[in-house]
PDB file of N, CA and C in Angstrom:
ATOM      1  N   MET A   1       5.461   6.424   6.691  1.00  0.00           N
ATOM      2  CA  MET A   1       4.089   6.870   6.793  1.00  0.00           C
ATOM      3  C   MET A   1       3.998   7.849   7.946  1.00  0.00           C
ATOM      4  N   SER A   2       3.212   8.860   7.799  1.00  0.00           N
ATOM      5  CA  SER A   2       3.134   9.897   8.809  1.00  0.00           C
ATOM      6  C   SER A   2       2.332   9.445  10.012  1.00  0.00           C
ATOM      7  N   ALA A   3       2.441  10.234  11.066  1.00  0.00           N
ATOM      8  CA  ALA A   3       1.684   9.946  12.282  1.00  0.00           C
ATOM      9  C   ALA A   3       0.194  10.149  12.048  1.00  0.00           C
ATOM     10  N   HIS A   4      -0.165  10.789  10.957  1.00  0.00           N
ATOM     11  CA  HIS A   4      -1.566  11.057  10.666  1.00  0.00           C
ATOM     12  C   HIS A   4      -2.150  10.034   9.717  1.00  0.00           C
ATOM     13  N   SER A   5      -1.497   8.905   9.595  1.00  0.00           N
ATOM     14  CA  SER A   5      -1.955   7.859   8.693  1.00  0.00           C
ATOM     15  C   SER A   5      -3.328   7.341   9.116  1.00  0.00           C
ATOM     16  N   PRO A   6      -4.222   7.134   8.144  1.00  0.00           N
ATOM     17  CA  PRO A   6      -5.530   6.591   8.483  1.00  0.00           C
ATOM     18  C   PRO A   6      -5.493   5.090   8.722  1.00  0.00           C
ATOM     19  N   THR A   7      -4.320   4.465   8.550  1.00  0.00           N
ATOM     20  CA  THR A   7      -4.208   3.025   8.683  1.00  0.00           C
ATOM     21  C   THR A   7      -4.075   2.640  10.145  1.00  0.00           C
ATOM     22  N   PRO A   8      -5.015   1.865  10.678  1.00  0.00           N
ATOM     23  CA  PRO A   8      -4.920   1.472  12.082  1.00  0.00           C
ATOM     24  C   PRO A   8      -3.889   0.374  12.260  1.00  0.00           C
ATOM     25  N   PRO A   9      -3.343   0.254  13.463  1.00  0.00           N
ATOM     26  CA  PRO A   9      -2.399  -0.836  13.705  1.00  0.00           C
ATOM     27  C   PRO A   9      -3.065  -2.185  13.476  1.00  0.00           C
ATOM     28  N   ALA A  10      -2.275  -3.124  12.989  1.00  0.00           N
ATOM     29  CA  ALA A  10      -2.810  -4.452  12.680  1.00  0.00           C
ATOM     30  C   ALA A  10      -3.403  -5.121  13.900  1.00  0.00           C
ATOM     31  N   GLU A  11      -2.845  -4.830  15.080  1.00  0.00           N
ATOM     32  CA  GLU A  11      -3.334  -5.484  16.288  1.00  0.00           C
ATOM     33  C   GLU A  11      -4.799  -5.146  16.551  1.00  0.00           C
ATOM     34  N   LEU A  12      -5.222  -3.958  16.126  1.00  0.00           N
ATOM     35  CA  LEU A  12      -6.603  -3.551  16.362  1.00  0.00           C
ATOM     36  C   LEU A  12      -7.565  -4.299  15.467  1.00  0.00           C
ATOM     37  N   LEU A  13      -7.080  -4.767  14.335  1.00  0.00           N
ATOM     38  CA  LEU A  13      -7.946  -5.454  13.395  1.00  0.00           C
ATOM     39  C   LEU A  13      -7.810  -6.966  13.463  1.00  0.00           C
ATOM     40  N   ASP A  14      -6.693  -7.430  14.009  1.00  0.00           N
ATOM     41  CA  ASP A  14      -6.402  -8.850  13.923  1.00  0.00           C
ATOM     42  C   ASP A  14      -6.575  -9.517  15.272  1.00  0.00           C
ATOM     43  N   ASP A  15      -7.795  -9.918  15.565  1.00  0.00           N
ATOM     44  CA  ASP A  15      -8.056 -10.591  16.833  1.00  0.00           C
ATOM     45  C   ASP A  15      -7.993 -12.103  16.670  1.00  0.00           C
ATOM     46  N   GLY A  16      -7.500 -12.554  15.551  1.00  0.00           N
ATOM     47  CA  GLY A  16      -7.362 -13.980  15.315  1.00  0.00           C
ATOM     48  C   GLY A  16      -8.585 -14.591  14.670  1.00  0.00           C
ATOM     49  N   SER A  17      -9.702 -13.909  14.708  1.00  0.00           N
ATOM     50  CA  SER A  17     -10.906 -14.461  14.112  1.00  0.00           C
ATOM     51  C   SER A  17     -11.263 -13.774  12.803  1.00  0.00           C
ATOM     52  N   ALA A  18     -10.515 -12.716  12.474  1.00  0.00           N
ATOM     53  CA  ALA A  18     -10.813 -11.967  11.261  1.00  0.00           C
ATOM     54  C   ALA A  18     -10.484 -12.797  10.034  1.00  0.00           C
ATOM     55  N   ALA A  19     -11.370 -12.805   9.117  1.00  0.00           N
ATOM     56  CA  ALA A  19     -11.142 -13.494   7.852  1.00  0.00           C
ATOM     57  C   ALA A  19     -12.009 -12.812   6.819  1.00  0.00           C
ATOM     58  N   LEU A  20     -11.442 -11.770   6.235  1.00  0.00           N
ATOM     59  CA  LEU A  20     -12.185 -11.002   5.249  1.00  0.00           C
ATOM     60  C   LEU A  20     -12.156 -11.675   3.892  1.00  0.00           C
ATOM     61  N   THR A  21     -13.226 -11.503   3.160  1.00  0.00           N
ATOM     62  CA  THR A  21     -13.284 -11.995   1.786  1.00  0.00           C
ATOM     63  C   THR A  21     -12.546 -11.024   0.875  1.00  0.00           C
ATOM     64  N   LEU A  22     -12.365 -11.422  -0.357  1.00  0.00           N
ATOM     65  CA  LEU A  22     -11.713 -10.564  -1.339  1.00  0.00           C
ATOM     66  C   LEU A  22     -12.465  -9.247  -1.492  1.00  0.00           C
ATOM     67  N   ASP A  23     -13.776  -9.325  -1.622  1.00  0.00           N
ATOM     68  CA  ASP A  23     -14.563  -8.099  -1.792  1.00  0.00           C
ATOM     69  C   ASP A  23     -14.492  -7.207  -0.556  1.00  0.00           C
ATOM     70  N   ALA A  24     -14.509  -7.812   0.630  1.00  0.00           N
ATOM     71  CA  ALA A  24     -14.424  -7.019   1.867  1.00  0.00           C
ATOM     72  C   ALA A  24     -13.066  -6.339   1.974  1.00  0.00           C
ATOM     73  N   LEU A  25     -12.011  -7.053   1.618  1.00  0.00           N
ATOM     74  CA  LEU A  25     -10.677  -6.439   1.640  1.00  0.00           C
ATOM     75  C   LEU A  25     -10.602  -5.298   0.631  1.00  0.00           C
ATOM     76  N   ALA A  26     -11.132  -5.521  -0.555  1.00  0.00           N
ATOM     77  CA  ALA A  26     -11.116  -4.476  -1.579  1.00  0.00           C
ATOM     78  C   ALA A  26     -11.874  -3.238  -1.092  1.00  0.00           C
ATOM     79  N   ARG A  27     -13.023  -3.437  -0.470  1.00  0.00           N
ATOM     80  CA  ARG A  27     -13.775  -2.292   0.072  1.00  0.00           C
ATOM     81  C   ARG A  27     -12.990  -1.585   1.161  1.00  0.00           C
ATOM     82  N   ALA A  28     -12.325  -2.358   2.029  1.00  0.00           N
ATOM     83  CA  ALA A  28     -11.542  -1.762   3.123  1.00  0.00           C
ATOM     84  C   ALA A  28     -10.397  -0.908   2.580  1.00  0.00           C
ATOM     85  N   CYS A  29      -9.904  -1.256   1.410  1.00  0.00           N
ATOM     86  CA  CYS A  29      -8.805  -0.509   0.782  1.00  0.00           C
ATOM     87  C   CYS A  29      -9.311   0.564  -0.169  1.00  0.00           C
ATOM     88  N   ARG A  30     -10.594   0.583  -0.402  1.00  0.00           N
ATOM     89  CA  ARG A  30     -11.191   1.482  -1.391  1.00  0.00           C
ATOM     90  C   ARG A  30     -10.590   1.252  -2.777  1.00  0.00           C
ATOM     91  N   MET A  31     -10.360  -0.011  -3.066  1.00  0.00           N
ATOM     92  CA  MET A  31      -9.845  -0.422  -4.377  1.00  0.00           C
ATOM     93  C   MET A  31     -10.802  -1.502  -4.894  1.00  0.00           C
ATOM     94  N   ASP A  32     -10.593  -1.942  -6.123  1.00  0.00           N
ATOM     95  CA  ASP A  32     -11.453  -3.007  -6.619  1.00  0.00           C
ATOM     96  C   ASP A  32     -10.794  -4.364  -6.414  1.00  0.00           C
ATOM     97  N   ALA A  33     -11.585  -5.399  -6.557  1.00  0.00           N
ATOM     98  CA  ALA A  33     -11.100  -6.759  -6.300  1.00  0.00           C
ATOM     99  C   ALA A  33      -9.963  -7.132  -7.243  1.00  0.00           C
ATOM    100  N   ASP A  34      -9.985  -6.638  -8.462  1.00  0.00           N
ATOM    101  CA  ASP A  34      -8.899  -6.939  -9.402  1.00  0.00           C
ATOM    102  C   ASP A  34      -7.571  -6.343  -8.927  1.00  0.00           C
ATOM    103  N   TRP A  35      -7.618  -5.183  -8.275  1.00  0.00           N
ATOM    104  CA  TRP A  35      -6.395  -4.590  -7.711  1.00  0.00           C
ATOM    105  C   TRP A  35      -5.816  -5.529  -6.654  1.00  0.00           C
ATOM    106  N   VAL A  36      -6.664  -6.027  -5.776  1.00  0.00           N
ATOM    107  CA  VAL A  36      -6.208  -6.955  -4.728  1.00  0.00           C
ATOM    108  C   VAL A  36      -5.657  -8.233  -5.365  1.00  0.00           C
ATOM    109  N   ALA A  37      -6.386  -8.773  -6.337  1.00  0.00           N
ATOM    110  CA  ALA A  37      -5.954 -10.017  -6.986  1.00  0.00           C
ATOM    111  C   ALA A  37      -4.598  -9.836  -7.668  1.00  0.00           C
ATOM    112  N   ALA A  38      -4.383  -8.689  -8.289  1.00  0.00           N
ATOM    113  CA  ALA A  38      -3.100  -8.433  -8.951  1.00  0.00           C
ATOM    114  C   ALA A  38      -1.971  -8.372  -7.929  1.00  0.00           C
ATOM    115  N   ARG A  39      -2.211  -7.717  -6.787  1.00  0.00           N
ATOM    116  CA  ARG A  39      -1.164  -7.636  -5.753  1.00  0.00           C
ATOM    117  C   ARG A  39      -0.901  -9.012  -5.147  1.00  0.00           C
ATOM    118  N   LEU A  40      -1.925  -9.825  -5.099  1.00  0.00           N
ATOM    119  CA  LEU A  40      -1.766 -11.200  -4.600  1.00  0.00           C
ATOM    120  C   LEU A  40      -0.936 -12.023  -5.573  1.00  0.00           C
ATOM    121  N   GLN A  41      -1.218 -11.915  -6.845  1.00  0.00           N
ATOM    122  CA  GLN A  41      -0.477 -12.659  -7.861  1.00  0.00           C
ATOM    123  C   GLN A  41       0.984 -12.228  -7.933  1.00  0.00           C
ATOM    124  N   GLU A  42       1.237 -10.961  -7.627  1.00  0.00           N
ATOM    125  CA  GLU A  42       2.606 -10.452  -7.643  1.00  0.00           C
ATOM    126  C   GLU A  42       3.358 -10.770  -6.355  1.00  0.00           C
ATOM    127  N   GLY A  43       2.667 -11.364  -5.381  1.00  0.00           N
ATOM    128  CA  GLY A  43       3.294 -11.723  -4.112  1.00  0.00           C
ATOM    129  C   GLY A  43       3.420 -10.569  -3.139  1.00  0.00           C
ATOM    130  N   LEU A  44       2.704  -9.481  -3.392  1.00  0.00           N
ATOM    131  CA  LEU A  44       2.789  -8.310  -2.528  1.00  0.00           C
ATOM    132  C   LEU A  44       1.822  -8.409  -1.356  1.00  0.00           C
ATOM    133  N   LEU A  45       0.796  -9.219  -1.507  1.00  0.00           N
ATOM    134  CA  LEU A  45      -0.171  -9.516  -0.449  1.00  0.00           C
ATOM    135  C   LEU A  45      -0.302 -11.028  -0.376  1.00  0.00           C
ATOM    136  N   GLN A  46      -0.771 -11.497   0.765  1.00  0.00           N
ATOM    137  CA  GLN A  46      -0.972 -12.932   0.925  1.00  0.00           C
ATOM    138  C   GLN A  46      -2.358 -13.204   1.478  1.00  0.00           C
ATOM    139  N   ALA A  47      -2.977 -14.227   0.924  1.00  0.00           N
ATOM    140  CA  ALA A  47      -4.263 -14.697   1.453  1.00  0.00           C
ATOM    141  C   ALA A  47      -3.990 -15.776   2.485  1.00  0.00           C
ATOM    142  N   GLY A  48      -4.857 -15.860   3.461  1.00  0.00           N
ATOM    143  CA  GLY A  48      -4.713 -16.885   4.491  1.00  0.00           C
ATOM    144  C   GLY A  48      -5.179 -18.241   4.009  1.00  0.00           C
ATOM    145  N   THR A  49      -5.880 -18.252   2.886  1.00  0.00           N
ATOM    146  CA  THR A  49      -6.378 -19.505   2.329  1.00  0.00           C
ATOM    147  C   THR A  49      -6.036 -19.569   0.853  1.00  0.00           C
ATOM    148  N   GLU A  50      -6.026 -20.768   0.328  1.00  0.00           N
ATOM    149  CA  GLU A  50      -5.760 -20.959  -1.095  1.00  0.00           C
ATOM    150  C   GLU A  50      -7.050 -21.363  -1.790  1.00  0.00           C
ATOM    151  N   GLY A  51      -6.982 -21.452  -3.094  1.00  0.00           N
ATOM    152  CA  GLY A  51      -8.155 -21.828  -3.868  1.00  0.00           C
ATOM    153  C   GLY A  51      -8.516 -20.725  -4.824  1.00  0.00           C
ATOM    154  N   ASP A  52      -9.752 -20.764  -5.295  1.00  0.00           N
ATOM    155  CA  ASP A  52     -10.168 -19.709  -6.221  1.00  0.00           C
ATOM    156  C   ASP A  52     -10.512 -18.437  -5.443  1.00  0.00           C
ATOM    157  N   ARG A  53     -10.783 -17.383  -6.179  1.00  0.00           N
ATOM    158  CA  ARG A  53     -10.989 -16.060  -5.559  1.00  0.00           C
ATOM    159  C   ARG A  53     -12.076 -16.065  -4.497  1.00  0.00           C
ATOM    160  N   SER A  54     -13.103 -16.881  -4.674  1.00  0.00           N
ATOM    161  CA  SER A  54     -14.198 -16.886  -3.699  1.00  0.00           C
ATOM    162  C   SER A  54     -13.780 -17.522  -2.373  1.00  0.00           C
ATOM    163  N   ALA A  55     -12.695 -18.293  -2.391  1.00  0.00           N
ATOM    164  CA  ALA A  55     -12.233 -18.956  -1.166  1.00  0.00           C
ATOM    165  C   ALA A  55     -11.173 -18.145  -0.424  1.00  0.00           C
ATOM    166  N   TRP A  56     -10.655 -17.111  -1.040  1.00  0.00           N
ATOM    167  CA  TRP A  56      -9.597 -16.340  -0.393  1.00  0.00           C
ATOM    168  C   TRP A  56     -10.124 -15.645   0.857  1.00  0.00           C
ATOM    169  N   ARG A  57      -9.331 -15.696   1.921  1.00  0.00           N
ATOM    170  CA  ARG A  57      -9.638 -14.992   3.162  1.00  0.00           C
ATOM    171  C   ARG A  57      -8.382 -14.261   3.607  1.00  0.00           C
ATOM    172  N   PHE A  58      -8.597 -13.098   4.218  1.00  0.00           N
ATOM    173  CA  PHE A  58      -7.482 -12.224   4.563  1.00  0.00           C
ATOM    174  C   PHE A  58      -7.560 -11.813   6.028  1.00  0.00           C
ATOM    175  N   SER A  59      -6.393 -11.761   6.656  1.00  0.00           N
ATOM    176  CA  SER A  59      -6.297 -11.377   8.068  1.00  0.00           C
ATOM    177  C   SER A  59      -6.348  -9.861   8.217  1.00  0.00           C
ATOM    178  N   GLY A  60      -6.493  -9.428   9.435  1.00  0.00           N
ATOM    179  CA  GLY A  60      -6.463  -8.000   9.724  1.00  0.00           C
ATOM    180  C   GLY A  60      -5.123  -7.377   9.363  1.00  0.00           C
ATOM    181  N   ALA A  61      -4.039  -8.111   9.568  1.00  0.00           N
ATOM    182  CA  ALA A  61      -2.716  -7.605   9.206  1.00  0.00           C
ATOM    183  C   ALA A  61      -2.624  -7.372   7.697  1.00  0.00           C
ATOM    184  N   THR A  62      -3.251  -8.239   6.925  1.00  0.00           N
ATOM    185  CA  THR A  62      -3.244  -8.055   5.471  1.00  0.00           C
ATOM    186  C   THR A  62      -4.066  -6.837   5.076  1.00  0.00           C
ATOM    187  N   VAL A  63      -5.132  -6.572   5.808  1.00  0.00           N
ATOM    188  CA  VAL A  63      -5.935  -5.371   5.541  1.00  0.00           C
ATOM    189  C   VAL A  63      -5.075  -4.129   5.725  1.00  0.00           C
ATOM    190  N   VAL A  64      -4.345  -4.091   6.834  1.00  0.00           N
ATOM    191  CA  VAL A  64      -3.491  -2.931   7.108  1.00  0.00           C
ATOM    192  C   VAL A  64      -2.436  -2.786   6.016  1.00  0.00           C
ATOM    193  N   ARG A  65      -1.800  -3.898   5.651  1.00  0.00           N
ATOM    194  CA  ARG A  65      -0.763  -3.855   4.607  1.00  0.00           C
ATOM    195  C   ARG A  65      -1.344  -3.411   3.268  1.00  0.00           C
ATOM    196  N   ALA A  66      -2.486  -3.955   2.908  1.00  0.00           N
ATOM    197  CA  ALA A  66      -3.114  -3.599   1.634  1.00  0.00           C
ATOM    198  C   ALA A  66      -3.498  -2.122   1.611  1.00  0.00           C
ATOM    199  N   ARG A  67      -3.999  -1.625   2.738  1.00  0.00           N
ATOM    200  CA  ARG A  67      -4.363  -0.202   2.799  1.00  0.00           C
ATOM    201  C   ARG A  67      -3.123   0.678   2.665  1.00  0.00           C
ATOM    202  N   ARG A  68      -2.022   0.256   3.286  1.00  0.00           N
ATOM    203  CA  ARG A  68      -0.782   1.025   3.162  1.00  0.00           C
ATOM    204  C   ARG A  68      -0.317   1.059   1.712  1.00  0.00           C
ATOM    205  N   ILE A  69      -0.312  -0.109   1.079  1.00  0.00           N
ATOM    206  CA  ILE A  69       0.147  -0.175  -0.312  1.00  0.00           C
ATOM    207  C   ILE A  69      -0.755   0.683  -1.201  1.00  0.00           C
ATOM    208  N   ALA A  70      -2.050   0.581  -1.022  1.00  0.00           N
ATOM    209  CA  ALA A  70      -2.981   1.383  -1.823  1.00  0.00           C
ATOM    210  C   ALA A  70      -2.745   2.869  -1.597  1.00  0.00           C
ATOM    211  N   HIS A  71      -2.568   3.243  -0.330  1.00  0.00           N
ATOM    212  CA  HIS A  71      -2.321   4.654   0.000  1.00  0.00           C
ATOM    213  C   HIS A  71      -1.048   5.151  -0.680  1.00  0.00           C
ATOM    214  N   LEU A  72       0.015   4.373  -0.598  1.00  0.00           N
ATOM    215  CA  LEU A  72       1.288   4.780  -1.201  1.00  0.00           C
ATOM    216  C   LEU A  72       1.180   4.863  -2.722  1.00  0.00           C
ATOM    217  N   GLU A  73       0.496   3.910  -3.319  1.00  0.00           N
ATOM    218  CA  GLU A  73       0.337   3.934  -4.772  1.00  0.00           C
ATOM    219  C   GLU A  73      -0.448   5.158  -5.223  1.00  0.00           C
ATOM    220  N   LEU A  74      -1.528   5.445  -4.516  1.00  0.00           N
ATOM    221  CA  LEU A  74      -2.397   6.548  -4.925  1.00  0.00           C
ATOM    222  C   LEU A  74      -1.793   7.909  -4.605  1.00  0.00           C
ATOM    223  N   THR A  75      -1.206   8.037  -3.424  1.00  0.00           N
ATOM    224  CA  THR A  75      -0.686   9.332  -2.985  1.00  0.00           C
ATOM    225  C   THR A  75       0.582   9.724  -3.731  1.00  0.00           C
ATOM    226  N   PHE A  76       1.474   8.743  -3.920  1.00  0.00           N
ATOM    227  CA  PHE A  76       2.775   9.064  -4.513  1.00  0.00           C
ATOM    228  C   PHE A  76       2.937   8.502  -5.919  1.00  0.00           C
ATOM    229  N   ASP A  77       1.851   7.977  -6.470  1.00  0.00           N
ATOM    230  CA  ASP A  77       1.903   7.353  -7.797  1.00  0.00           C
ATOM    231  C   ASP A  77       3.035   6.320  -7.841  1.00  0.00           C
ATOM    232  N   ALA A  78       3.135   5.582  -6.729  1.00  0.00           N
ATOM    233  CA  ALA A  78       4.241   4.628  -6.572  1.00  0.00           C
ATOM    234  C   ALA A  78       3.976   3.344  -7.341  1.00  0.00           C
ATOM    235  N   ASP A  79       5.050   2.784  -7.837  1.00  0.00           N
ATOM    236  CA  ASP A  79       5.019   1.454  -8.426  1.00  0.00           C
ATOM    237  C   ASP A  79       4.568   0.474  -7.326  1.00  0.00           C
ATOM    238  N   PRO A  80       3.749  -0.528  -7.649  1.00  0.00           N
ATOM    239  CA  PRO A  80       3.271  -1.455  -6.608  1.00  0.00           C
ATOM    240  C   PRO A  80       4.399  -2.134  -5.831  1.00  0.00           C
ATOM    241  N   HIS A  81       5.470  -2.489  -6.485  1.00  0.00           N
ATOM    242  CA  HIS A  81       6.581  -3.147  -5.793  1.00  0.00           C
ATOM    243  C   HIS A  81       7.294  -2.173  -4.852  1.00  0.00           C
ATOM    244  N   LEU A  82       7.441  -0.937  -5.267  1.00  0.00           N
ATOM    245  CA  LEU A  82       8.050   0.071  -4.396  1.00  0.00           C
ATOM    246  C   LEU A  82       7.132   0.346  -3.204  1.00  0.00           C
ATOM    247  N   ALA A  83       5.838   0.428  -3.446  1.00  0.00           N
ATOM    248  CA  ALA A  83       4.882   0.627  -2.347  1.00  0.00           C
ATOM    249  C   ALA A  83       4.945  -0.540  -1.363  1.00  0.00           C
ATOM    250  N   ALA A  84       5.058  -1.758  -1.875  1.00  0.00           N
ATOM    251  CA  ALA A  84       5.140  -2.933  -0.989  1.00  0.00           C
ATOM    252  C   ALA A  84       6.445  -2.929  -0.202  1.00  0.00           C
ATOM    253  N   LEU A  85       7.538  -2.516  -0.838  1.00  0.00           N
ATOM    254  CA  LEU A  85       8.812  -2.427  -0.135  1.00  0.00           C
ATOM    255  C   LEU A  85       8.721  -1.399   0.991  1.00  0.00           C
ATOM    256  N   THR A  86       8.083  -0.284   0.720  1.00  0.00           N
ATOM    257  CA  THR A  86       7.897   0.731   1.748  1.00  0.00           C
ATOM    258  C   THR A  86       7.036   0.188   2.884  1.00  0.00           C
ATOM    259  N   ALA A  87       5.997  -0.559   2.539  1.00  0.00           N
ATOM    260  CA  ALA A  87       5.157  -1.191   3.571  1.00  0.00           C
ATOM    261  C   ALA A  87       5.974  -2.167   4.403  1.00  0.00           C
ATOM    262  N   ASP A  88       6.868  -2.919   3.745  1.00  0.00           N
ATOM    263  CA  ASP A  88       7.763  -3.829   4.490  1.00  0.00           C
ATOM    264  C   ASP A  88       8.586  -3.057   5.518  1.00  0.00           C
ATOM    265  N   LEU A  89       9.141  -1.934   5.091  1.00  0.00           N
ATOM    266  CA  LEU A  89       9.984  -1.136   5.985  1.00  0.00           C
ATOM    267  C   LEU A  89       9.163  -0.545   7.131  1.00  0.00           C
ATOM    268  N   ILE A  90       7.964  -0.098   6.849  1.00  0.00           N
ATOM    269  CA  ILE A  90       7.092   0.432   7.905  1.00  0.00           C
ATOM    270  C   ILE A  90       6.777  -0.672   8.917  1.00  0.00           C
ATOM    271  N   GLU A  91       6.484  -1.866   8.427  1.00  0.00           N
ATOM    272  CA  GLU A  91       6.195  -3.000   9.322  1.00  0.00           C
ATOM    273  C   GLU A  91       7.413  -3.355  10.167  1.00  0.00           C
ATOM    274  N   GLU A  92       8.593  -3.307   9.565  1.00  0.00           N
ATOM    275  CA  GLU A  92       9.821  -3.629  10.297  1.00  0.00           C
ATOM    276  C   GLU A  92      10.096  -2.583  11.382  1.00  0.00           C
ATOM    277  N   VAL A  93       9.944  -1.318  11.053  1.00  0.00           N
ATOM    278  CA  VAL A  93      10.156  -0.250  12.037  1.00  0.00           C
ATOM    279  C   VAL A  93       9.147  -0.405  13.173  1.00  0.00           C
ATOM    280  N   THR A  94       7.908  -0.709  12.845  1.00  0.00           N
ATOM    281  CA  THR A  94       6.883  -0.903  13.881  1.00  0.00           C
ATOM    282  C   THR A  94       7.267  -2.049  14.813  1.00  0.00           C
ATOM    283  N   ALA A  95       7.730  -3.161  14.245  1.00  0.00           N
ATOM    284  CA  ALA A  95       8.129  -4.313  15.060  1.00  0.00           C
ATOM    285  C   ALA A  95       9.326  -3.967  15.943  1.00  0.00           C
ATOM    286  N   LEU A  96      10.289  -3.246  15.389  1.00  0.00           N
ATOM    287  CA  LEU A  96      11.464  -2.858  16.174  1.00  0.00           C
ATOM    288  C   LEU A  96      11.088  -1.902  17.304  1.00  0.00           C
ATOM    289  N   ARG A  97      10.168  -0.990  17.031  1.00  0.00           N
ATOM    290  CA  ARG A  97       9.716  -0.071  18.090  1.00  0.00           C
ATOM    291  C   ARG A  97       8.999  -0.821  19.204  1.00  0.00           C
ATOM    292  N   GLN A  98       8.209  -1.830  18.831  1.00  0.00           N
ATOM    293  CA  GLN A  98       7.535  -2.637  19.845  1.00  0.00           C
ATOM    294  C   GLN A  98       8.554  -3.394  20.687  1.00  0.00           C
ATOM    295  N   GLN A  99       9.588  -3.941  20.051  1.00  0.00           N
ATOM    296  CA  GLN A  99      10.630  -4.647  20.792  1.00  0.00           C
ATOM    297  C   GLN A  99      11.367  -3.692  21.725  1.00  0.00           C
ATOM    298  N   LEU A 100      11.647  -2.481  21.263  1.00  0.00           N
ATOM    299  CA  LEU A 100      12.337  -1.493  22.088  1.00  0.00           C
ATOM    300  C   LEU A 100      11.485  -1.114  23.290  1.00  0.00           C
ATOM    301  N   ARG A 101      10.188  -0.904  23.059  1.00  0.00           N
ATOM    302  CA  ARG A 101       9.294  -0.583  24.183  1.00  0.00           C
ATOM    303  C   ARG A 101       9.267  -1.721  25.188  1.00  0.00           C
ATOM    304  N   HIS A 102       9.245  -2.942  24.678  1.00  0.00           N
ATOM    305  CA  HIS A 102       9.232  -4.112  25.557  1.00  0.00           C
ATOM    306  C   HIS A 102      10.519  -4.170  26.388  1.00  0.00           C
ATOM    307  N   LEU A 103      11.659  -3.919  25.744  1.00  0.00           N
ATOM    308  CA  LEU A 103      12.943  -3.964  26.452  1.00  0.00           C
ATOM    309  C   LEU A 103      13.054  -2.845  27.489  1.00  0.00           C
ATOM    310  N   LYS A 104      12.515  -1.676  27.159  1.00  0.00           N
ATOM    311  CA  LYS A 104      12.551  -0.558  28.110  1.00  0.00           C
ATOM    312  C   LYS A 104      11.651  -0.817  29.304  1.00  0.00           C
ATOM    313  N   GLY A 105      10.640  -1.637  29.085  1.00  0.00           N
ATOM    314  CA  GLY A 105       9.693  -1.930  30.165  1.00  0.00           C
ATOM    315  C   GLY A 105      10.199  -2.942  31.164  1.00  0.00           C
ATOM    316  N   ARG A 106      11.323  -3.557  30.889  1.00  0.00           N
ATOM    317  CA  ARG A 106      11.868  -4.575  31.815  1.00  0.00           C
ATOM    318  C   ARG A 106      12.479  -3.934  33.016  1.00  0.00           C
TER     319      ARG A 106
END
């Protein structure tokens, strides 16, 4: 993902109290609730709670991931699984960069 990505870092959205509903997550991604539900059923996204759709709640980190997947699917006409794999790699690179910054700060 480019440096000009509209996706904010998960830390900015995830203060531990965030718990978005399915509809709120769908709006945040500019997708419909069925898109989110399909990605959830495919294991590409995870809800913080179980139960029926009205009980699902999502963390800020899931919002960021869902927005990345939606962006990749729409921009590159990517298969959802390929978009999720790319999101995995972006998350891994971000975590490694944070670890490197932490190690350099010692």
